[in-house]
């Protein structure tokens, strides 16, 4: 497969979920398309240092995924913490960069940041590991990023008047970090193939939580 096709295969899932998510949330928010594009760009910016840190860790740390605590270190610290920290930072910065009028705006911005992040990440993985990885991630990792984004923004949207305070972001970050880490542990571990089914279970939980976050924010506003 040529480079253009690999690029498209990596980027398309994030575009599809981002557009569908934006159109769904747009019914409840006044977030303009220009603001949406800016939010996506924040995610793109966040993905590059996160990917660099993760690649550096994989080269410099002697960790084996068939050792359970090695898999825990990679899943929770190298992957989950790094990714959610950068996305959370961009969500907080969006208060100063993207004009926000209501709680649903913040939820939409968090989703779009995550899709910008996931799109870049998926493209980079596609080039380094092949389009098959991009295809697998399109139905697993990219939807998971969307759910983590809604969970990350939940506490901030519930305390919208205080959205520039750091505590709600830390609360959302901790919950997203734990769920993301659990998901990635089941995906990357090489202890047992049946354990990978745990990733599907965690993904379903995240979809359920993400949908309920959307409903609570919708009803709250």
Protein backbone atom coordinates (compact mmCIF):
# COMPACT_ATOMS: atom_id res chain seq x y z
CA UNK A 1 0.00 0.00 0.00
CA UNK A 2 1.40 3.43 -0.97
CA UNK A 3 2.00 6.23 1.49
CA UNK A 4 -1.10 8.20 0.49
CA UNK A 5 -3.36 5.22 1.13
CA UNK A 6 -1.67 4.54 4.48
CA UNK A 7 -2.14 8.20 5.43
CA UNK A 8 -5.83 8.05 4.50
CA UNK A 9 -6.34 4.76 6.35
CA UNK A 10 -4.83 6.26 9.49
CA UNK A 11 -6.70 9.56 9.35
CA UNK A 12 -10.17 8.52 8.16
CA UNK A 13 -11.47 6.92 11.40
CA UNK A 14 -10.74 10.06 13.44
CA UNK A 15 -12.37 12.26 10.79
CA UNK A 16 -15.51 10.10 10.72
CA UNK A 17 -15.91 9.98 14.50
CA UNK A 18 -15.00 13.66 14.83
CA UNK A 19 -17.58 14.75 12.25
CA UNK A 20 -20.31 12.49 13.64
CA UNK A 21 -19.55 13.61 17.19
CA UNK A 22 -19.51 17.27 16.21
CA UNK A 23 -22.81 17.00 14.33
CA UNK A 24 -24.40 15.25 17.32
CA UNK A 25 -23.11 17.77 19.84
CA UNK A 26 -23.79 20.73 17.53
CA UNK A 27 -27.52 20.28 18.20
CA UNK A 28 -26.82 21.36 21.77
CA UNK A 29 -23.93 23.77 21.29
CA UNK A 30 -23.15 26.93 19.33
CA UNK A 31 -19.58 25.81 18.63
CA UNK A 32 -18.69 27.20 15.20
CA UNK A 33 -16.76 25.21 12.62
CA UNK A 34 -13.79 27.59 12.96
CA UNK A 35 -13.63 26.82 16.68
CA UNK A 36 -13.95 23.10 15.93
CA UNK A 37 -10.98 23.21 13.55
CA UNK A 38 -8.95 25.06 16.19
CA UNK A 39 -9.80 22.37 18.74
CA UNK A 40 -8.65 19.65 16.32
CA UNK A 41 -5.37 21.49 15.81
CA UNK A 42 -4.81 21.51 19.59
CA UNK A 43 -5.10 17.72 19.49
CA UNK A 44 -2.66 17.51 16.60
CA UNK A 45 -0.15 19.62 18.54
CA UNK A 46 -0.58 17.44 21.65
CA UNK A 47 -0.01 14.20 19.73
CA UNK A 48 3.48 15.00 18.50
CA UNK A 49 5.34 15.34 21.86
CA UNK A 50 3.27 12.49 23.31
CA UNK A 51 4.30 10.17 20.47
CA UNK A 52 7.95 11.24 20.82
CA UNK A 53 7.95 10.52 24.57
CA UNK A 54 6.36 7.11 24.02
CA UNK A 55 8.79 6.15 21.28
CA UNK A 56 11.74 7.26 23.41
CA UNK A 57 10.44 5.19 26.32
CA UNK A 58 10.01 2.11 24.13
CA UNK A 59 13.62 2.38 22.92
CA UNK A 60 15.18 3.12 26.28
CA UNK A 61 13.19 0.96 28.68
CA UNK A 62 13.80 -2.77 28.71
CA UNK A 63 10.21 -3.87 29.28
CA UNK A 64 8.56 -7.14 28.21
CA UNK A 65 4.83 -7.34 27.66
CA UNK A 66 4.72 -10.95 28.86
CA UNK A 67 5.67 -9.69 32.35
CA UNK A 68 2.53 -8.32 33.98
CA UNK A 69 4.08 -5.41 35.88
CA UNK A 70 6.04 -4.35 32.80
CA UNK A 71 2.76 -4.24 30.89
CA UNK A 72 1.22 -2.20 33.71
CA UNK A 73 4.08 0.33 33.56
CA UNK A 74 3.72 0.76 29.80
CA UNK A 75 -0.10 0.85 29.79
CA UNK A 76 -0.55 3.27 32.67
CA UNK A 77 2.59 5.43 32.65
CA UNK A 78 4.02 5.37 29.13
CA UNK A 79 0.69 5.37 27.27
CA UNK A 80 -2.26 6.45 29.40
CA UNK A 81 -0.64 9.09 31.61
CA UNK A 82 1.28 10.73 28.77
CA UNK A 83 -1.69 10.85 26.39
CA UNK A 84 -4.33 11.97 28.87
CA UNK A 85 -1.98 14.55 30.37
CA UNK A 86 -1.35 16.21 27.02
CA UNK A 87 -5.02 16.09 26.03
CA UNK A 88 -6.04 17.44 29.43
CA UNK A 89 -3.51 20.25 29.12
CA UNK A 90 -4.91 21.21 25.73
CA UNK A 91 -8.47 21.10 27.10
CA UNK A 92 -7.47 23.50 29.87
CA UNK A 93 -5.64 25.77 27.42
CA UNK A 94 -8.70 25.81 25.18
CA UNK A 95 -10.34 28.14 27.72
CA UNK A 96 -7.84 30.80 26.66
CA UNK A 97 -7.64 29.91 22.95
CA UNK A 98 -11.13 28.85 21.84
CA UNK A 99 -14.09 31.07 22.86
CA UNK A 100 -16.43 28.94 24.96
CA UNK A 101 -20.05 29.88 25.70
CA UNK A 102 -21.60 26.85 27.39
CA UNK A 103 -20.76 23.45 28.93
CA UNK A 104 -21.58 21.49 25.76
CA UNK A 105 -18.97 23.60 23.93
CA UNK A 106 -16.32 22.24 26.27
CA UNK A 107 -17.49 18.67 25.74
CA UNK A 108 -17.33 19.12 21.96
CA UNK A 109 -13.88 20.70 22.19
CA UNK A 110 -12.59 17.79 24.29
CA UNK A 111 -13.90 15.31 21.71
CA UNK A 112 -12.33 17.21 18.81
CA UNK A 113 -8.99 17.54 20.61
CA UNK A 114 -9.04 13.78 21.09
CA UNK A 115 -9.84 13.16 17.41
CA UNK A 116 -7.01 15.43 16.31
CA UNK A 117 -4.74 13.51 18.67
CA UNK A 118 -6.04 10.09 17.57
CA UNK A 119 -5.76 10.98 13.89
CA UNK A 120 -2.08 11.91 14.13
CA UNK A 121 -1.34 8.94 16.37
CA UNK A 122 -3.07 6.55 13.98
CA UNK A 123 -1.20 7.92 10.97
CA UNK A 124 2.14 7.59 12.77
CA UNK A 125 1.33 4.02 13.82
CA UNK A 126 0.23 3.24 10.25
CA UNK A 127 3.58 4.30 8.82
CA UNK A 128 5.59 2.49 11.49
CA UNK A 129 3.51 -0.68 11.85
CA UNK A 130 1.43 -0.97 8.69
CA UNK A 131 -2.12 -0.20 7.55
CA UNK A 132 -3.43 -3.36 9.24
CA UNK A 133 -2.68 -1.73 12.60
CA UNK A 134 -4.52 1.41 11.49
CA UNK A 135 -7.54 -0.70 10.51
CA UNK A 136 -7.59 -2.47 13.88
CA UNK A 137 -7.18 0.83 15.76
CA UNK A 138 -10.01 2.41 13.75
CA UNK A 139 -12.57 0.23 15.55
CA UNK A 140 -10.81 0.13 18.92
CA UNK A 141 -8.34 2.86 19.87
CA UNK A 142 -9.98 5.77 18.00
CA UNK A 143 -13.48 5.19 19.51
CA UNK A 144 -11.78 4.70 22.88
CA UNK A 145 -10.10 8.11 22.55
CA UNK A 146 -13.53 9.65 21.93
CA UNK A 147 -14.90 8.09 25.11
CA UNK A 148 -11.88 9.10 27.19
CA UNK A 149 -12.34 12.67 25.93
CA UNK A 150 -15.93 12.85 27.16
CA UNK A 151 -14.93 11.39 30.52
CA UNK A 152 -11.96 13.78 30.77
CA UNK A 153 -14.25 16.78 30.29
CA UNK A 154 -17.09 15.60 32.55
CA UNK A 155 -16.15 17.29 35.82
CA UNK A 156 -15.26 20.55 34.07
CA UNK A 157 -18.61 20.74 32.29
CA UNK A 158 -20.44 20.05 35.56
CA UNK A 159 -18.62 23.01 37.12
CA UNK A 160 -18.68 25.22 34.05
CA UNK A 161 -18.58 28.61 35.83
CA UNK A 162 -15.30 27.48 37.46
CA UNK A 163 -13.92 25.91 34.27
CA UNK A 164 -10.54 27.65 34.56
CA UNK A 165 -9.83 26.07 37.95
CA UNK A 166 -7.47 23.11 37.87
CA UNK A 167 -9.28 20.69 40.24
CA UNK A 168 -12.05 19.57 37.82
CA UNK A 169 -9.39 18.85 35.19
CA UNK A 170 -7.42 16.73 37.65
CA UNK A 171 -10.58 14.78 38.53
CA UNK A 172 -11.35 14.09 34.88
CA UNK A 173 -7.71 13.29 34.16
CA UNK A 174 -7.54 10.69 36.94
CA UNK A 175 -10.68 8.89 35.78
CA UNK A 176 -9.66 8.94 32.11
CA UNK A 177 -6.14 7.84 33.08
CA UNK A 178 -7.43 4.79 34.98
CA UNK A 179 -9.85 3.69 32.26
CA UNK A 180 -7.32 4.31 29.50
CA UNK A 181 -4.64 2.40 31.39
CA UNK A 182 -6.91 -0.58 31.94
CA UNK A 183 -7.87 -0.65 28.27
CA UNK A 184 -4.26 -0.47 27.10
CA UNK A 185 -3.09 -3.10 29.56
CA UNK A 186 -5.39 -5.70 28.01
CA UNK A 187 -4.39 -4.62 24.50
CA UNK A 188 -0.60 -4.67 24.90
CA UNK A 189 -0.09 -7.51 27.37
CA UNK A 190 1.34 -10.75 25.97
CA UNK A 191 0.64 -12.85 29.04
CA UNK A 192 -2.45 -14.52 27.61
CA UNK A 193 -4.38 -14.04 24.36
CA UNK A 194 -7.80 -14.53 26.04
CA UNK A 195 -6.95 -11.58 28.30
CA UNK A 196 -7.18 -9.34 25.23
CA UNK A 197 -10.94 -9.80 25.43
CA UNK A 198 -10.75 -7.60 28.51
CA UNK A 199 -10.04 -4.66 26.18
CA UNK A 200 -13.42 -5.15 24.50
CA UNK A 201 -15.12 -5.23 27.90
CA UNK A 202 -13.35 -2.02 29.00
CA UNK A 203 -14.17 -0.37 25.66
CA UNK A 204 -17.87 -1.18 26.12
CA UNK A 205 -17.75 0.29 29.63
CA UNK A 206 -16.16 3.43 28.24
CA UNK A 207 -18.80 3.74 25.52
CA UNK A 208 -21.49 3.42 28.20
CA UNK A 209 -19.80 6.03 30.42
CA UNK A 210 -19.16 8.37 27.49
CA UNK A 211 -22.81 8.23 26.42
CA UNK A 212 -23.95 8.90 29.97
CA UNK A 213 -21.58 11.86 30.25
CA UNK A 214 -23.18 13.29 27.12
CA UNK A 215 -26.69 12.75 28.52
CA UNK A 216 -25.84 14.32 31.88
CA UNK A 217 -24.24 17.38 30.30
CA UNK A 218 -27.18 17.70 27.89
CA UNK A 219 -29.70 17.52 30.72
CA UNK A 220 -27.58 19.78 32.95
CA UNK A 221 -27.58 22.51 30.33
